[in-house]
C-alpha atoms as a PDB file:
ATOM      1  CA  MET A   1     -39.231  10.922  -1.704  1.00  0.00           C
ATOM      2  CA  LEU A   2     -39.750  13.375   1.174  1.00  0.00           C
ATOM      3  CA  GLN A   3     -40.859  16.912   0.347  1.00  0.00           C
ATOM      4  CA  ARG A   4     -41.609  19.815   2.670  1.00  0.00           C
ATOM      5  CA  PRO A   5     -43.304  23.055   1.617  1.00  0.00           C
ATOM      6  CA  GLY A   6     -40.784  25.579   0.355  1.00  0.00           C
ATOM      7  CA  ARG A   7     -37.879  23.120   0.369  1.00  0.00           C
ATOM      8  CA  ARG A   8     -36.308  21.018  -2.306  1.00  0.00           C
ATOM      9  CA  PRO A   9     -37.437  17.363  -2.308  1.00  0.00           C
ATOM     10  CA  GLN A  10     -35.280  14.833  -0.435  1.00  0.00           C
ATOM     11  CA  PHE A  11     -34.679  11.733  -2.524  1.00  0.00           C
ATOM     12  CA  PHE A  12     -34.068   8.268  -1.084  1.00  0.00           C
ATOM     13  CA  TYR A  13     -32.547   5.373  -3.027  1.00  0.00           C
ATOM     14  CA  THR A  14     -32.146   1.646  -2.436  1.00  0.00           C
ATOM     15  CA  THR A  15     -28.761   0.002  -2.990  1.00  0.00           C
ATOM     16  CA  ALA A  16     -28.131  -3.234  -4.850  1.00  0.00           C
ATOM     17  CA  PRO A  17     -27.812  -6.411  -2.747  1.00  0.00           C
ATOM     18  CA  LEU A  18     -24.369  -7.081  -1.233  1.00  0.00           C
ATOM     19  CA  PRO A  19     -23.038  -9.742   1.157  1.00  0.00           C
ATOM     20  CA  CYS A  20     -24.026  -8.991   4.738  1.00  0.00           C
ATOM     21  CA  PRO A  21     -20.997  -7.916   6.827  1.00  0.00           C
ATOM     22  CA  TYR A  22     -22.533  -9.264  10.046  1.00  0.00           C
ATOM     23  CA  LEU A  23     -24.324 -12.533   9.322  1.00  0.00           C
ATOM     24  CA  ALA A  24     -22.823 -15.175   7.029  1.00  0.00           C
ATOM     25  CA  GLY A  25     -24.869 -16.284   4.065  1.00  0.00           C
ATOM     26  CA  ARG A  26     -27.157 -13.253   4.060  1.00  0.00           C
ATOM     27  CA  THR A  27     -27.323 -10.210   1.820  1.00  0.00           C
ATOM     28  CA  GLU A  28     -27.890  -6.589   2.752  1.00  0.00           C
ATOM     29  CA  ARG A  29     -29.654  -3.684   1.089  1.00  0.00           C
ATOM     30  CA  LYS A  30     -29.763  -0.107   2.307  1.00  0.00           C
ATOM     31  CA  ILE A  31     -31.923   2.920   1.802  1.00  0.00           C
ATOM     32  CA  VAL A  32     -29.684   5.971   1.383  1.00  0.00           C
ATOM     33  CA  THR A  33     -30.052   9.713   1.000  1.00  0.00           C
ATOM     34  CA  GLU A  34     -27.614  12.590   0.597  1.00  0.00           C
ATOM     35  CA  LEU A  35     -26.915  15.034   3.422  1.00  0.00           C
ATOM     36  CA  THR A  36     -26.201  18.355   1.795  1.00  0.00           C
ATOM     37  CA  GLY A  37     -27.001  22.048   1.976  1.00  0.00           C
ATOM     38  CA  ALA A  38     -28.263  24.224   4.802  1.00  0.00           C
ATOM     39  CA  GLU A  39     -30.712  21.566   6.005  1.00  0.00           C
ATOM     40  CA  ALA A  40     -28.128  18.767   6.298  1.00  0.00           C
ATOM     41  CA  GLU A  41     -27.720  19.008  10.066  1.00  0.00           C
ATOM     42  CA  ALA A  42     -31.447  19.120  10.827  1.00  0.00           C
ATOM     43  CA  LEU A  43     -32.111  16.239   8.423  1.00  0.00           C
ATOM     44  CA  HIS A  44     -29.329  14.194  10.003  1.00  0.00           C
ATOM     45  CA  ASP A  45     -30.898  14.777  13.424  1.00  0.00           C
ATOM     46  CA  ARG A  46     -34.312  13.543  12.263  1.00  0.00           C
ATOM     47  CA  LEU A  47     -32.899  10.544  10.448  1.00  0.00           C
ATOM     48  CA  SER A  48     -30.721   9.545  13.417  1.00  0.00           C
ATOM     49  CA  ARG A  49     -33.797   9.436  15.625  1.00  0.00           C
ATOM     50  CA  ALA A  50     -35.406   7.247  12.929  1.00  0.00           C
ATOM     51  CA  GLY A  51     -32.520   4.749  13.044  1.00  0.00           C
ATOM     52  CA  PHE A  52     -30.305   6.007  10.211  1.00  0.00           C
ATOM     53  CA  ARG A  53     -26.505   6.183  10.350  1.00  0.00           C
ATOM     54  CA  ARG A  54     -24.042   8.463   8.556  1.00  0.00           C
ATOM     55  CA  SER A  55     -21.136   7.633   6.252  1.00  0.00           C
ATOM     56  CA  HIS A  56     -19.439  10.583   4.540  1.00  0.00           C
ATOM     57  CA  ASN A  57     -22.322  12.775   3.310  1.00  0.00           C
ATOM     58  CA  ILE A  58     -24.775   9.885   3.105  1.00  0.00           C
ATOM     59  CA  ALA A  59     -27.370   8.748   5.633  1.00  0.00           C
ATOM     60  CA  TYR A  60     -28.389   5.092   5.391  1.00  0.00           C
ATOM     61  CA  SER A  61     -30.549   2.430   7.010  1.00  0.00           C
ATOM     62  CA  PRO A  62     -30.796  -1.311   6.300  1.00  0.00           C
ATOM     63  CA  VAL A  63     -33.853  -2.500   4.389  1.00  0.00           C
ATOM     64  CA  CYS A  64     -32.943  -6.151   3.920  1.00  0.00           C
ATOM     65  CA  PRO A  65     -35.822  -8.333   2.633  1.00  0.00           C
ATOM     66  CA  GLY A  66     -36.823 -10.932   5.189  1.00  0.00           C
ATOM     67  CA  CYS A  67     -34.365  -9.742   7.845  1.00  0.00           C
ATOM     68  CA  GLN A  68     -34.640  -7.240  10.698  1.00  0.00           C
ATOM     69  CA  SER A  69     -31.511  -8.212  12.617  1.00  0.00           C
ATOM     70  CA  CYS A  70     -29.906  -4.725  12.592  1.00  0.00           C
ATOM     71  CA  ILE A  71     -31.557  -2.854  15.470  1.00  0.00           C
ATOM     72  CA  PRO A  72     -30.740   0.815  16.199  1.00  0.00           C
ATOM     73  CA  ILE A  73     -29.520   1.267  19.775  1.00  0.00           C
ATOM     74  CA  ARG A  74     -28.714   4.266  21.975  1.00  0.00           C
ATOM     75  CA  ILE A  75     -27.486   4.606  25.574  1.00  0.00           C
ATOM     76  CA  LEU A  76     -29.418   6.674  28.126  1.00  0.00           C
ATOM     77  CA  ALA A  77     -26.457   8.799  29.183  1.00  0.00           C
ATOM     78  CA  ASP A  78     -27.837  10.225  32.442  1.00  0.00           C
ATOM     79  CA  HIS A  79     -28.805   6.789  33.740  1.00  0.00           C
ATOM     80  CA  PHE A  80     -25.822   4.718  32.562  1.00  0.00           C
ATOM     81  CA  GLU A  81     -24.219   2.604  35.284  1.00  0.00           C
ATOM     82  CA  PRO A  82     -21.058   0.652  34.367  1.00  0.00           C
ATOM     83  CA  ASP A  83     -21.084  -3.018  35.267  1.00  0.00           C
ATOM     84  CA  ARG A  84     -18.173  -4.766  36.969  1.00  0.00           C
ATOM     85  CA  THR A  85     -16.324  -5.426  33.705  1.00  0.00           C
ATOM     86  CA  GLN A  86     -16.755  -1.835  32.539  1.00  0.00           C
ATOM     87  CA  ARG A  87     -15.494  -0.502  35.879  1.00  0.00           C
ATOM     88  CA  ARG A  88     -12.395  -2.663  35.487  1.00  0.00           C
ATOM     89  CA  VAL A  89     -11.864  -1.254  31.994  1.00  0.00           C
ATOM     90  CA  ALA A  90     -12.022   2.281  33.421  1.00  0.00           C
ATOM     91  CA  ARG A  91      -9.368   1.399  36.018  1.00  0.00           C
ATOM     92  CA  ASN A  92      -7.124  -0.141  33.371  1.00  0.00           C
ATOM     93  CA  ASN A  93      -7.297   3.117  31.404  1.00  0.00           C
ATOM     94  CA  ALA A  94      -6.830   5.558  34.263  1.00  0.00           C
ATOM     95  CA  ASP A  95      -3.625   6.801  32.587  1.00  0.00           C
ATOM     96  CA  ILE A  96      -5.321   7.607  29.275  1.00  0.00           C
ATOM     97  CA  VAL A  97      -5.500  11.261  28.222  1.00  0.00           C
ATOM     98  CA  VAL A  98      -8.467  12.147  26.005  1.00  0.00           C
ATOM     99  CA  ARG A  99      -8.650  15.061  23.615  1.00  0.00           C
ATOM    100  CA  GLU A 100     -11.319  16.253  21.188  1.00  0.00           C
ATOM    101  CA  VAL A 101      -9.779  17.471  17.953  1.00  0.00           C
ATOM    102  CA  PRO A 102     -11.197  18.736  14.635  1.00  0.00           C
ATOM    103  CA  ALA A 103     -12.195  16.137  12.034  1.00  0.00           C
ATOM    104  CA  ARG A 104      -8.863  16.261  10.197  1.00  0.00           C
ATOM    105  CA  ALA A 105      -7.020  13.114   9.143  1.00  0.00           C
ATOM    106  CA  THR A 106      -3.372  12.635  10.135  1.00  0.00           C
ATOM    107  CA  ALA A 107      -0.700  10.112   9.192  1.00  0.00           C
ATOM    108  CA  GLU A 108      -0.497   9.040  12.845  1.00  0.00           C
ATOM    109  CA  GLN A 109      -4.211   8.222  12.947  1.00  0.00           C
ATOM    110  CA  PHE A 110      -4.036   6.390   9.648  1.00  0.00           C
ATOM    111  CA  ALA A 111      -1.146   4.194  10.818  1.00  0.00           C
ATOM    112  CA  LEU A 112      -3.244   3.132  13.818  1.00  0.00           C
ATOM    113  CA  PHE A 113      -6.284   2.660  11.565  1.00  0.00           C
ATOM    114  CA  GLN A 114      -4.276   0.313   9.315  1.00  0.00           C
ATOM    115  CA  ARG A 115      -2.994  -1.759  12.242  1.00  0.00           C
ATOM    116  CA  TYR A 116      -6.508  -2.063  13.599  1.00  0.00           C
ATOM    117  CA  GLN A 117      -7.979  -3.144  10.259  1.00  0.00           C
ATOM    118  CA  GLN A 118      -5.304  -5.774   9.683  1.00  0.00           C
ATOM    119  CA  ALA A 119      -5.731  -7.184  13.191  1.00  0.00           C
ATOM    120  CA  ARG A 120      -9.535  -7.156  13.369  1.00  0.00           C
ATOM    121  CA  HIS A 121     -10.935  -6.916   9.842  1.00  0.00           C
ATOM    122  CA  GLY A 122      -8.158  -8.115   7.543  1.00  0.00           C
ATOM    123  CA  ASP A 123     -10.630  -9.606   5.046  1.00  0.00           C
ATOM    124  CA  GLY A 124     -12.909  -6.559   4.978  1.00  0.00           C
ATOM    125  CA  ASP A 125     -13.129  -3.725   2.468  1.00  0.00           C
ATOM    126  CA  MET A 126     -11.736  -1.161   4.914  1.00  0.00           C
ATOM    127  CA  ALA A 127      -8.452  -3.052   5.205  1.00  0.00           C
ATOM    128  CA  ALA A 128      -7.646  -1.957   1.642  1.00  0.00           C
ATOM    129  CA  MET A 129      -8.288   1.752   2.277  1.00  0.00           C
ATOM    130  CA  GLY A 130      -5.467   4.155   1.497  1.00  0.00           C
ATOM    131  CA  PHE A 131      -4.787   7.440   3.266  1.00  0.00           C
ATOM    132  CA  TYR A 132      -7.017   9.449   0.929  1.00  0.00           C
ATOM    133  CA  ASP A 133      -9.897   7.024   1.549  1.00  0.00           C
ATOM    134  CA  TYR A 134      -9.363   7.434   5.275  1.00  0.00           C
ATOM    135  CA  ARG A 135      -9.233  11.203   4.940  1.00  0.00           C
ATOM    136  CA  ALA A 136     -12.532  11.182   3.062  1.00  0.00           C
ATOM    137  CA  MET A 137     -14.124   9.068   5.812  1.00  0.00           C
ATOM    138  CA  VAL A 138     -13.040  11.603   8.432  1.00  0.00           C
ATOM    139  CA  GLU A 139     -13.348  14.920   6.627  1.00  0.00           C
ATOM    140  CA  ASP A 140     -16.220  14.398   4.179  1.00  0.00           C
ATOM    141  CA  THR A 141     -18.955  15.455   6.602  1.00  0.00           C
ATOM    142  CA  PRO A 142     -21.680  18.069   6.209  1.00  0.00           C
ATOM    143  CA  ILE A 143     -22.439  18.215   9.933  1.00  0.00           C
ATOM    144  CA  THR A 144     -20.702  18.948  13.236  1.00  0.00           C
ATOM    145  CA  THR A 145     -18.120  16.192  13.657  1.00  0.00           C
ATOM    146  CA  CYS A 146     -14.968  15.717  15.712  1.00  0.00           C
ATOM    147  CA  LEU A 147     -12.323  13.101  16.436  1.00  0.00           C
ATOM    148  CA  VAL A 148     -11.760  11.916  19.982  1.00  0.00           C
ATOM    149  CA  GLU A 149      -8.144  10.823  20.507  1.00  0.00           C
ATOM    150  CA  PHE A 150      -7.008   8.564  23.347  1.00  0.00           C
ATOM    151  CA  ARG A 151      -3.297   8.689  24.288  1.00  0.00           C
ATOM    152  CA  ASP A 152      -1.219   6.966  26.957  1.00  0.00           C
ATOM    153  CA  ARG A 153       1.030   8.804  29.413  1.00  0.00           C
ATOM    154  CA  ASP A 154       3.841   8.796  26.841  1.00  0.00           C
ATOM    155  CA  GLY A 155       1.669  10.520  24.261  1.00  0.00           C
ATOM    156  CA  ARG A 156       1.244   7.420  22.075  1.00  0.00           C
ATOM    157  CA  LEU A 157      -2.031   7.377  20.142  1.00  0.00           C
ATOM    158  CA  MET A 158      -4.037   4.423  21.443  1.00  0.00           C
ATOM    159  CA  GLY A 159      -7.492   4.989  20.018  1.00  0.00           C
ATOM    160  CA  VAL A 160      -9.677   7.272  17.906  1.00  0.00           C
ATOM    161  CA  CYS A 161     -13.436   7.724  17.753  1.00  0.00           C
ATOM    162  CA  LEU A 162     -15.056   9.637  14.886  1.00  0.00           C
ATOM    163  CA  THR A 163     -18.024  11.324  16.571  1.00  0.00           C
ATOM    164  CA  ASP A 164     -21.034  13.284  15.311  1.00  0.00           C
ATOM    165  CA  TRP A 165     -22.802  15.876  17.450  1.00  0.00           C
ATOM    166  CA  LEU A 166     -26.600  15.712  17.345  1.00  0.00           C
ATOM    167  CA  SER A 167     -29.154  17.960  18.994  1.00  0.00           C
ATOM    168  CA  ASP A 168     -30.029  15.128  21.406  1.00  0.00           C
ATOM    169  CA  GLY A 169     -26.777  13.232  21.741  1.00  0.00           C
ATOM    170  CA  LEU A 170     -23.444  12.006  20.437  1.00  0.00           C
ATOM    171  CA  SER A 171     -23.159   9.442  17.666  1.00  0.00           C
ATOM    172  CA  ALA A 172     -20.187   7.066  17.558  1.00  0.00           C
ATOM    173  CA  VAL A 173     -19.588   6.879  13.800  1.00  0.00           C
ATOM    174  CA  TYR A 174     -16.455   4.713  13.812  1.00  0.00           C
ATOM    175  CA  SER A 175     -13.818   3.736  16.365  1.00  0.00           C
ATOM    176  CA  PHE A 176     -10.426   2.088  16.033  1.00  0.00           C
ATOM    177  CA  TYR A 177      -7.718   1.424  18.561  1.00  0.00           C
ATOM    178  CA  GLU A 178      -4.488  -0.351  19.467  1.00  0.00           C
ATOM    179  CA  THR A 179      -5.259  -4.080  19.535  1.00  0.00           C
ATOM    180  CA  GLU A 180      -1.929  -5.131  21.087  1.00  0.00           C
ATOM    181  CA  GLU A 181      -3.181  -4.111  24.542  1.00  0.00           C
ATOM    182  CA  PRO A 182      -6.386  -6.133  24.894  1.00  0.00           C
ATOM    183  CA  ARG A 183      -6.607  -5.606  28.675  1.00  0.00           C
ATOM    184  CA  ARG A 184      -7.477  -1.976  28.006  1.00  0.00           C
ATOM    185  CA  SER A 185     -10.628  -2.808  25.981  1.00  0.00           C
ATOM    186  CA  LEU A 186     -10.309   0.570  24.324  1.00  0.00           C
ATOM    187  CA  GLY A 187     -13.524   0.193  22.352  1.00  0.00           C
ATOM    188  CA  THR A 188     -15.473  -0.063  25.601  1.00  0.00           C
ATOM    189  CA  GLN A 189     -13.462   2.800  27.083  1.00  0.00           C
ATOM    190  CA  ALA A 190     -14.348   5.022  24.117  1.00  0.00           C
ATOM    191  CA  VAL A 191     -18.071   4.385  24.565  1.00  0.00           C
ATOM    192  CA  MET A 192     -17.927   5.137  28.298  1.00  0.00           C
ATOM    193  CA  TRP A 193     -16.067   8.379  27.582  1.00  0.00           C
ATOM    194  CA  LEU A 194     -18.755   9.421  25.097  1.00  0.00           C
ATOM    195  CA  VAL A 195     -21.414   8.760  27.721  1.00  0.00           C
ATOM    196  CA  GLU A 196     -19.655  11.034  30.200  1.00  0.00           C
ATOM    197  CA  ARG A 197     -19.129  13.680  27.520  1.00  0.00           C
ATOM    198  CA  ALA A 198     -22.832  13.585  26.648  1.00  0.00           C
ATOM    199  CA  ARG A 199     -23.684  14.070  30.306  1.00  0.00           C
ATOM    200  CA  GLN A 200     -21.367  17.069  30.529  1.00  0.00           C
ATOM    201  CA  ALA A 201     -22.999  18.587  27.451  1.00  0.00           C
ATOM    202  CA  GLY A 202     -26.532  17.983  28.751  1.00  0.00           C
ATOM    203  CA  LEU A 203     -27.324  15.529  25.944  1.00  0.00           C
ATOM    204  CA  PRO A 204     -29.531  12.533  26.760  1.00  0.00           C
ATOM    205  CA  TYR A 205     -28.223   9.889  24.348  1.00  0.00           C
ATOM    206  CA  VAL A 206     -25.180   8.193  22.861  1.00  0.00           C
ATOM    207  CA  TYR A 207     -26.059   6.531  19.554  1.00  0.00           C
ATOM    208  CA  LEU A 208     -24.104   3.323  18.902  1.00  0.00           C
ATOM    209  CA  GLY A 209     -25.449   2.361  15.496  1.00  0.00           C
ATOM    210  CA  TYR A 210     -26.852  -1.126  15.015  1.00  0.00           C
ATOM    211  CA  TRP A 211     -27.134  -3.864  17.586  1.00  0.00           C
ATOM    212  CA  VAL A 212     -27.125  -7.294  15.936  1.00  0.00           C
ATOM    213  CA  PRO A 213     -27.960  -9.838  18.659  1.00  0.00           C
ATOM    214  CA  GLN A 214     -26.861 -12.816  16.531  1.00  0.00           C
ATOM    215  CA  SER A 215     -23.467 -11.303  15.648  1.00  0.00           C
ATOM    216  CA  ARG A 216     -20.692 -11.657  18.222  1.00  0.00           C
ATOM    217  CA  LYS A 217     -18.893  -8.502  17.077  1.00  0.00           C
ATOM    218  CA  MET A 218     -22.085  -6.402  17.275  1.00  0.00           C
ATOM    219  CA  ALA A 219     -23.871  -7.958  20.264  1.00  0.00           C
ATOM    220  CA  TYR A 220     -21.628  -6.161  22.795  1.00  0.00           C
ATOM    221  CA  LYS A 221     -23.559  -2.910  22.338  1.00  0.00           C
ATOM    222  CA  ALA A 222     -26.419  -4.120  24.529  1.00  0.00           C
ATOM    223  CA  LYS A 223     -24.015  -4.378  27.503  1.00  0.00           C
ATOM    224  CA  PHE A 224     -24.174  -0.598  27.995  1.00  0.00           C
ATOM    225  CA  ARG A 225     -27.256  -0.250  30.171  1.00  0.00           C
ATOM    226  CA  PRO A 226     -29.737   1.206  30.342  1.00  0.00           C
ATOM    227  CA  SER A 227     -30.143   1.486  26.582  1.00  0.00           C
ATOM    228  CA  GLU A 228     -33.025   1.840  24.177  1.00  0.00           C
ATOM    229  CA  VAL A 229     -33.644   0.129  20.843  1.00  0.00           C
ATOM    230  CA  LEU A 230     -35.836   1.207  17.943  1.00  0.00           C
ATOM    231  CA  LEU A 231     -38.459  -1.438  17.248  1.00  0.00           C
ATOM    232  CA  GLY A 232     -41.685  -0.928  15.327  1.00  0.00           C
ATOM    233  CA  GLY A 233     -40.991   2.785  14.957  1.00  0.00           C
ATOM    234  CA  SER A 234     -40.638   3.466  18.700  1.00  0.00           C
ATOM    235  CA  TRP A 235     -37.681   3.601  21.090  1.00  0.00           C
ATOM    236  CA  GLY A 236     -37.981   1.295  24.089  1.00  0.00           C
ATOM    237  CA  PRO A 237     -35.994  -0.916  26.488  1.00  0.00           C
ATOM    238  CA  VAL A 238     -33.553  -3.536  25.195  1.00  0.00           C
ATOM    239  CA  PRO A 239     -35.316  -6.918  25.055  1.00  0.00           C
ATOM    240  CA  ALA A 240     -34.227  -9.472  27.619  1.00  0.00           C
ATOM    241  CA  GLU A 241     -32.179 -12.521  26.688  1.00  0.00           C
ATOM    242  CA  GLY A 242     -34.439 -15.183  25.259  1.00  0.00           C
ATOM    243  CA  GLU A 243     -36.945 -12.748  23.741  1.00  0.00           C
ATOM    244  CA  ARG A 244     -37.481 -12.942  20.004  1.00  0.00           C
ATOM    245  CA  VAL A 245     -36.296  -9.879  18.057  1.00  0.00           C
ATOM    246  CA  GLY A 246     -35.836  -9.568  14.316  1.00  0.00           C
ATOM    247  CA  GLY A 247     -36.834 -13.182  13.835  1.00  0.00           C
ATOM    248  CA  CYS A 248     -34.164 -14.520  16.246  1.00  0.00           C
ATOM    249  CA  LEU A 249     -33.811 -15.072  19.967  1.00  0.00           C
ATOM    250  CA  VAL A 250     -31.748 -12.490  21.844  1.00  0.00           C
ATOM    251  CA  GLY A 251     -28.516 -14.038  23.077  1.00  0.00           C
ATOM    252  CA  VAL A 252     -28.497 -16.774  20.429  1.00  0.00           C
ATOM    253  CA  GLU A 253     -25.843 -16.378  17.728  1.00  0.00           C
ATOM    254  CA  ALA A 254     -26.584 -17.209  14.107  1.00  0.00           C
END
């Protein structure tokens, strides 16, 4: 429990064990707290810098016994330099029109969300979400949040990124996109757009959530360089391939 003079106490809770969504055969537990009231935005800022993530009006961080594989990661926006693959992605998406819109769910977004879930995460819990679940994910936020929409030249919705605004950066909460055009690599394109948007806003970081070096679907986050990771309570450079982090070697899948 965290308590500051003159403020109501902030309670933290630990969840029951559940199957890990990233590493087979492991279980996950989280520490969670509610984001509510006039202090929600300031609390979210502090917790984000401490490695927490947001879902709805809850901030959470993994506290899995015997495992430290989920590593908070953030891009240094002012210093980011796209590599050759990322530059190719930018060229392939030169026709994309990007628009920031309020955090309001639409049927068009949800249709894309469903296609994405079925193509990429058909066996996951989110694949069973209905429109009202999706609307809650988008709209149930106590802080400054927007949706970033990516459309092609014909106006077709190609991708969406639910994004939180922090005092020191942008936080990519959840992204989904059209999977039938893999050459576009719209997930990568969304991250690069957030980096440029952070630069424009004078914000130093883009928070990407958790880097899991042993998980193929989460390891890509370290490709956005330079980045920092939170290890031992301090932000520092991403470890090089072959270094041991969280009990495993970087670059070696579980």
